C-alpha atoms as a PDB file:
ATOM      1  CA  MET A   1      53.668  64.645  91.953  1.00  0.00           C
ATOM      2  CA  GLU A   2      52.483  61.337  93.763  1.00  0.00           C
ATOM      3  CA  ILE A   3      55.450  59.635  95.647  1.00  0.00           C
ATOM      4  CA  ASP A   4      53.523  56.185  94.238  1.00  0.00           C
ATOM      5  CA  TRP A   5      54.078  54.345  97.429  1.00  0.00           C
ATOM      6  CA  LEU A   6      51.512  51.347  98.271  1.00  0.00           C
ATOM      7  CA  VAL A   7      51.231  51.276 102.107  1.00  0.00           C
ATOM      8  CA  TYR A   8      48.996  48.394 103.347  1.00  0.00           C
ATOM      9  CA  PHE A   9      47.991  47.239 106.646  1.00  0.00           C
ATOM     10  CA  PRO A  10      48.171  43.524 107.323  1.00  0.00           C
ATOM     11  CA  ARG A  11      44.809  41.566 108.290  1.00  0.00           C
ATOM     12  CA  TYR A  12      45.885  40.493 111.659  1.00  0.00           C
ATOM     13  CA  GLY A  13      48.844  41.358 114.271  1.00  0.00           C
ATOM     14  CA  ASN A  14      48.199  45.085 115.122  1.00  0.00           C
ATOM     15  CA  LYS A  15      46.565  46.460 118.189  1.00  0.00           C
ATOM     16  CA  GLY A  16      46.275  49.897 119.681  1.00  0.00           C
ATOM     17  CA  LYS A  17      47.413  52.949 118.047  1.00  0.00           C
ATOM     18  CA  TYR A  18      48.107  53.205 114.634  1.00  0.00           C
ATOM     19  CA  PHE A  19      51.420  54.936 114.741  1.00  0.00           C
ATOM     20  CA  ASN A  20      53.053  51.895 115.977  1.00  0.00           C
ATOM     21  CA  TYR A  21      51.199  49.421 113.472  1.00  0.00           C
ATOM     22  CA  ASN A  22      53.278  47.024 111.049  1.00  0.00           C
ATOM     23  CA  VAL A  23      52.669  47.798 107.635  1.00  0.00           C
ATOM     24  CA  MET A  24      54.014  46.714 104.438  1.00  0.00           C
ATOM     25  CA  LEU A  25      55.403  49.178 101.839  1.00  0.00           C
ATOM     26  CA  ILE A  26      55.846  48.825  97.954  1.00  0.00           C
ATOM     27  CA  ASP A  27      57.472  51.850  95.996  1.00  0.00           C
ATOM     28  CA  ARG A  28      55.958  51.622  92.622  1.00  0.00           C
ATOM     29  CA  LYS A  29      59.026  53.775  91.174  1.00  0.00           C
ATOM     30  CA  LYS A  30      61.707  51.186  92.244  1.00  0.00           C
ATOM     31  CA  VAL A  31      62.298  48.045  89.816  1.00  0.00           C
ATOM     32  CA  THR A  32      61.854  45.691  92.586  1.00  0.00           C
ATOM     33  CA  THR A  33      58.351  45.472  94.062  1.00  0.00           C
ATOM     34  CA  GLN A  34      58.877  43.395  97.151  1.00  0.00           C
ATOM     35  CA  PRO A  35      57.147  44.599 100.085  1.00  0.00           C
ATOM     36  CA  ARG A  36      59.237  45.897 103.139  1.00  0.00           C
ATOM     37  CA  LYS A  37      57.857  45.490 106.321  1.00  0.00           C
ATOM     38  CA  LEU A  38      58.105  48.559 108.837  1.00  0.00           C
ATOM     39  CA  LYS A  39      56.397  50.446 111.246  1.00  0.00           C
ATOM     40  CA  LEU A  40      53.585  53.102 109.982  1.00  0.00           C
ATOM     41  CA  GLU A  41      56.171  55.513 111.918  1.00  0.00           C
ATOM     42  CA  GLU A  42      58.824  55.044 109.703  1.00  0.00           C
ATOM     43  CA  VAL A  43      57.018  55.845 106.580  1.00  0.00           C
ATOM     44  CA  LEU A  44      55.361  58.881 108.371  1.00  0.00           C
ATOM     45  CA  GLU A  45      58.283  60.526 109.402  1.00  0.00           C
ATOM     46  CA  ASN A  46      60.161  59.580 105.900  1.00  0.00           C
ATOM     47  CA  PRO A  47      61.430  63.032 104.378  1.00  0.00           C
ATOM     48  CA  GLU A  48      60.041  61.934 101.103  1.00  0.00           C
ATOM     49  CA  PHE A  49      56.465  61.639 102.617  1.00  0.00           C
ATOM     50  CA  GLU A  50      56.915  64.742 104.811  1.00  0.00           C
ATOM     51  CA  LYS A  51      57.732  67.209 102.300  1.00  0.00           C
ATOM     52  CA  HIS A  52      55.629  66.293  99.397  1.00  0.00           C
ATOM     53  CA  TYR A  53      52.074  66.940 100.586  1.00  0.00           C
ATOM     54  CA  PRO A  54      49.269  66.588  99.489  1.00  0.00           C
ATOM     55  CA  HIS A  55      48.979  62.724  99.279  1.00  0.00           C
ATOM     56  CA  THR A  56      46.485  60.856  97.925  1.00  0.00           C
ATOM     57  CA  VAL A  57      45.367  58.121 100.120  1.00  0.00           C
ATOM     58  CA  GLY A  58      42.812  55.341  99.418  1.00  0.00           C
ATOM     59  CA  PHE A  59      41.027  52.289 100.776  1.00  0.00           C
ATOM     60  CA  TYR A  60      40.744  49.479  98.311  1.00  0.00           C
ATOM     61  CA  LYS A  61      39.492  45.816  97.817  1.00  0.00           C
ATOM     62  CA  GLU A  62      42.096  43.514  97.449  1.00  0.00           C
ATOM     63  CA  SER A  63      43.129  43.355  93.663  1.00  0.00           C
ATOM     64  CA  SER A  64      45.529  41.267  91.219  1.00  0.00           C
ATOM     65  CA  GLY A  65      48.623  42.599  89.620  1.00  0.00           C
ATOM     66  CA  GLU A  66      51.853  43.808  90.891  1.00  0.00           C
ATOM     67  CA  GLY A  67      54.068  46.843  90.682  1.00  0.00           C
ATOM     68  CA  ALA A  68      53.046  49.594  87.710  1.00  0.00           C
ATOM     69  CA  GLU A  69      50.408  46.887  86.900  1.00  0.00           C
ATOM     70  CA  PHE A  70      48.444  47.146  90.061  1.00  0.00           C
ATOM     71  CA  LYS A  71      45.063  48.615  89.524  1.00  0.00           C
ATOM     72  CA  PRO A  72      43.238  48.440  92.892  1.00  0.00           C
ATOM     73  CA  GLU A  73      39.413  48.910  93.250  1.00  0.00           C
ATOM     74  CA  TYR A  74      38.956  52.059  95.512  1.00  0.00           C
ATOM     75  CA  LEU A  75      36.276  52.142  98.066  1.00  0.00           C
ATOM     76  CA  GLU A  76      37.309  55.734  99.104  1.00  0.00           C
ATOM     77  CA  ILE A  77      39.782  57.922  98.332  1.00  0.00           C
ATOM     78  CA  ARG A  78      40.935  61.168  99.780  1.00  0.00           C
ATOM     79  CA  LYS A  79      43.556  64.019  99.194  1.00  0.00           C
ATOM     80  CA  ILE A  80      45.509  64.728 102.669  1.00  0.00           C
ATOM     81  CA  SER A  81      47.681  67.839 103.165  1.00  0.00           C
ATOM     82  CA  ALA A  82      48.980  66.953 106.894  1.00  0.00           C
ATOM     83  CA  VAL A  83      49.076  64.039 108.803  1.00  0.00           C
ATOM     84  CA  GLU A  84      46.338  64.931 111.175  1.00  0.00           C
ATOM     85  CA  GLU A  85      44.244  64.260 108.118  1.00  0.00           C
ATOM     86  CA  PHE A  86      45.720  61.013 107.387  1.00  0.00           C
ATOM     87  CA  TRP A  87      44.575  60.208 111.263  1.00  0.00           C
ATOM     88  CA  LEU A  88      41.044  61.302 110.490  1.00  0.00           C
ATOM     89  CA  PHE A  89      40.955  58.865 107.272  1.00  0.00           C
ATOM     90  CA  LEU A  90      42.278  55.901 109.412  1.00  0.00           C
ATOM     91  CA  ASN A  91      39.640  56.698 112.176  1.00  0.00           C
ATOM     92  CA  ALA A  92      36.717  57.045 109.569  1.00  0.00           C
ATOM     93  CA  LEU A  93      37.806  53.364 108.262  1.00  0.00           C
ATOM     94  CA  ASP A  94      37.949  51.887 111.633  1.00  0.00           C
ATOM     95  CA  ILE A  95      40.467  49.606 110.906  1.00  0.00           C
END
């Protein structure tokens, strides 16, 4: 079962290693769809994320729609079974 989180990277402001990047998180299962700003480290170390592999991760074009209505146009999508696979995915995207 997917946890249905959208984690996105702001276009500007992040440099260095991904672990300390500022990201925005939207939990689409919650009523409010306001994004929360946090460190990628906080997302990856969240028990819900750590205990519910595999995850589907994707890189998508900007799209319209919000919450459950958000239907992104994916450019690449993968299933990951470990955080190391997530790092490989980010490195392949070269963001």
